Protein backbone atom coordinates (compact mmCIF):
# COMPACT_ATOMS: atom_id res chain seq x y z
CA UNK A 1 101.44 145.20 111.47
CA UNK A 2 101.24 148.84 110.58
CA UNK A 3 104.93 149.52 111.81
CA UNK A 4 106.24 146.51 109.73
CA UNK A 5 104.28 147.80 106.63
CA UNK A 6 105.87 151.35 107.05
CA UNK A 7 109.34 149.83 107.42
CA UNK A 8 108.72 147.81 104.34
CA UNK A 9 107.50 150.74 102.31
CA UNK A 10 110.67 152.71 103.37
CA UNK A 11 113.00 149.87 102.64
CA UNK A 12 111.29 147.94 99.76
CA UNK A 13 114.43 147.51 97.72
CA UNK A 14 116.30 145.99 100.61
CA UNK A 15 114.06 142.95 100.75
CA UNK A 16 115.22 140.54 98.17
CA UNK A 17 113.68 137.05 98.81
CA UNK A 18 110.69 137.21 98.52
CA UNK A 19 110.67 140.57 96.74
CA UNK A 20 109.86 143.53 98.85
CA UNK A 21 106.70 144.23 97.08
CA UNK A 22 105.44 140.59 97.56
CA UNK A 23 106.15 140.84 101.29
CA UNK A 24 104.46 144.25 101.50
CA UNK A 25 101.33 142.82 99.88
CA UNK A 26 101.22 139.95 102.39
CA UNK A 27 101.44 142.51 105.23
CA UNK A 28 98.98 144.82 103.75
CA UNK A 29 96.61 141.91 103.59
CA UNK A 30 96.59 141.83 107.31
CA UNK A 31 95.51 145.43 107.60
CA UNK A 32 91.82 144.73 107.95
CA UNK A 33 89.38 146.95 109.69
CA UNK A 34 87.37 145.32 112.45
CA UNK A 35 88.31 142.41 114.70
CA UNK A 36 90.71 139.87 113.21
CA UNK A 37 91.18 136.69 115.39
CA UNK A 38 93.80 134.13 114.31
CA UNK A 39 92.50 130.62 115.32
CA UNK A 40 95.31 128.29 114.22
CA UNK A 41 98.86 128.40 112.94
CA UNK A 42 100.70 125.50 111.20
CA UNK A 43 104.28 125.19 109.90
CA UNK A 44 104.43 123.77 106.29
CA UNK A 45 107.24 121.81 104.49
CA UNK A 46 107.97 124.59 102.12
CA UNK A 47 109.21 127.01 104.87
CA UNK A 48 105.98 129.05 105.06
CA UNK A 49 103.60 129.51 107.86
CA UNK A 50 99.89 129.11 107.21
CA UNK A 51 97.65 131.18 109.55
CA UNK A 52 93.89 130.68 109.62
CA UNK A 53 91.90 133.88 110.53
CA UNK A 54 88.33 135.02 111.27
CA UNK A 55 87.17 138.46 110.79
CA UNK A 56 84.40 138.68 113.29
CA UNK A 57 82.51 141.87 111.94
CA UNK A 58 81.94 140.52 108.54
CA UNK A 59 82.27 136.78 109.30
CA UNK A 60 84.95 136.42 106.74
CA UNK A 61 87.69 133.83 107.08
CA UNK A 62 90.67 132.65 105.21
CA UNK A 63 94.28 131.50 104.98
CA UNK A 64 97.39 133.48 104.41
CA UNK A 65 100.79 131.93 103.57
CA UNK A 66 103.71 133.84 105.16
CA UNK A 67 107.32 133.18 104.51
CA UNK A 68 109.22 131.73 107.56
CA UNK A 69 112.19 133.58 106.49
CA UNK A 70 113.11 136.47 104.18
CA UNK A 71 116.43 137.74 102.67
CA UNK A 72 117.56 141.39 103.14
CA UNK A 73 120.38 143.14 101.23
CA UNK A 74 121.68 146.57 102.56
CA UNK A 75 124.93 148.27 103.45
CA UNK A 76 125.78 147.93 107.18
CA UNK A 77 127.98 150.97 107.10
CA UNK A 78 127.29 154.09 105.03
CA UNK A 79 128.91 154.14 101.65
CA UNK A 80 129.91 150.41 101.81
CA UNK A 81 128.64 147.66 99.57
CA UNK A 82 125.39 145.93 100.74
CA UNK A 83 125.57 142.74 102.89
CA UNK A 84 123.23 139.74 102.59
CA UNK A 85 121.26 139.01 105.84
CA UNK A 86 118.51 136.71 106.63
CA UNK A 87 115.49 137.54 108.86
CA UNK A 88 112.89 135.31 110.44
CA UNK A 89 109.35 136.30 110.64
CA UNK A 90 108.02 135.63 114.08
CA UNK A 91 104.36 135.84 115.32
CA UNK A 92 102.66 135.30 118.62
CA UNK A 93 98.94 134.34 119.03
CA UNK A 94 97.26 135.63 122.20
CA UNK A 95 94.71 133.54 124.06
CA UNK A 96 92.02 135.77 122.58
CA UNK A 97 93.16 134.89 118.98
CA UNK A 98 95.09 138.13 118.25
CA UNK A 99 98.31 137.97 116.42
CA UNK A 100 101.38 140.15 116.69
CA UNK A 101 104.18 140.09 114.23
CA UNK A 102 107.88 140.93 114.36
CA UNK A 103 111.12 139.99 112.61
CA UNK A 104 114.59 139.12 113.81
CA UNK A 105 117.83 139.09 112.04
CA UNK A 106 119.64 135.74 111.94
CA UNK A 107 123.28 136.12 113.17
CA UNK A 108 123.53 139.85 112.63
CA UNK A 109 126.71 139.87 114.52
CA UNK A 110 128.39 137.65 111.88
CA UNK A 111 127.35 140.05 109.05
CA UNK A 112 128.52 143.12 111.07
CA UNK A 113 131.86 141.36 111.59
CA UNK A 114 132.27 140.54 107.90
CA UNK A 115 131.34 144.04 106.89
CA UNK A 116 133.79 145.49 109.43
CA UNK A 117 136.64 143.16 108.16
CA UNK A 118 136.07 144.19 104.60
CA UNK A 119 136.13 147.89 105.58
CA UNK A 120 139.38 147.27 107.34
CA UNK A 121 140.79 145.56 104.48
CA UNK A 122 139.83 148.49 102.24
CA UNK A 123 141.37 151.01 104.53
CA UNK A 124 144.49 149.05 104.65
CA UNK A 125 144.85 148.59 100.82
CA UNK A 126 144.36 152.36 100.44
CA UNK A 127 146.88 153.28 103.12
CA UNK A 128 150.15 152.02 104.40
CA UNK A 129 148.37 150.83 107.53
CA UNK A 130 148.27 147.07 108.23
CA UNK A 131 145.09 145.43 109.56
């Protein structure tokens, strides 16, 4: 989670739904010292994931709601307008109860194609070249 938290800190304004600060707060909640075991995960109707966890050292437990998807907005090419992208939050629970998190972009090739086509159109409009 540390790598994801550092990524969010560096790109906070690129996360638009939920807001980057909200997602960073969720991720920072997971930065707990000691042994943290996730015992159960369940998908909810409101497109969030509820994880039950137990912190063994202090015998604490709780629930944490995580968004299933989140929206990103950033330029795909330097100097170009930002593009909207969707990312899915993925997690894996080990047999020992440890969780690992990652995210994956939804259809990044489509966003890249749209940004490239828009760039080609801008170049064509500013020159006598045809796309």
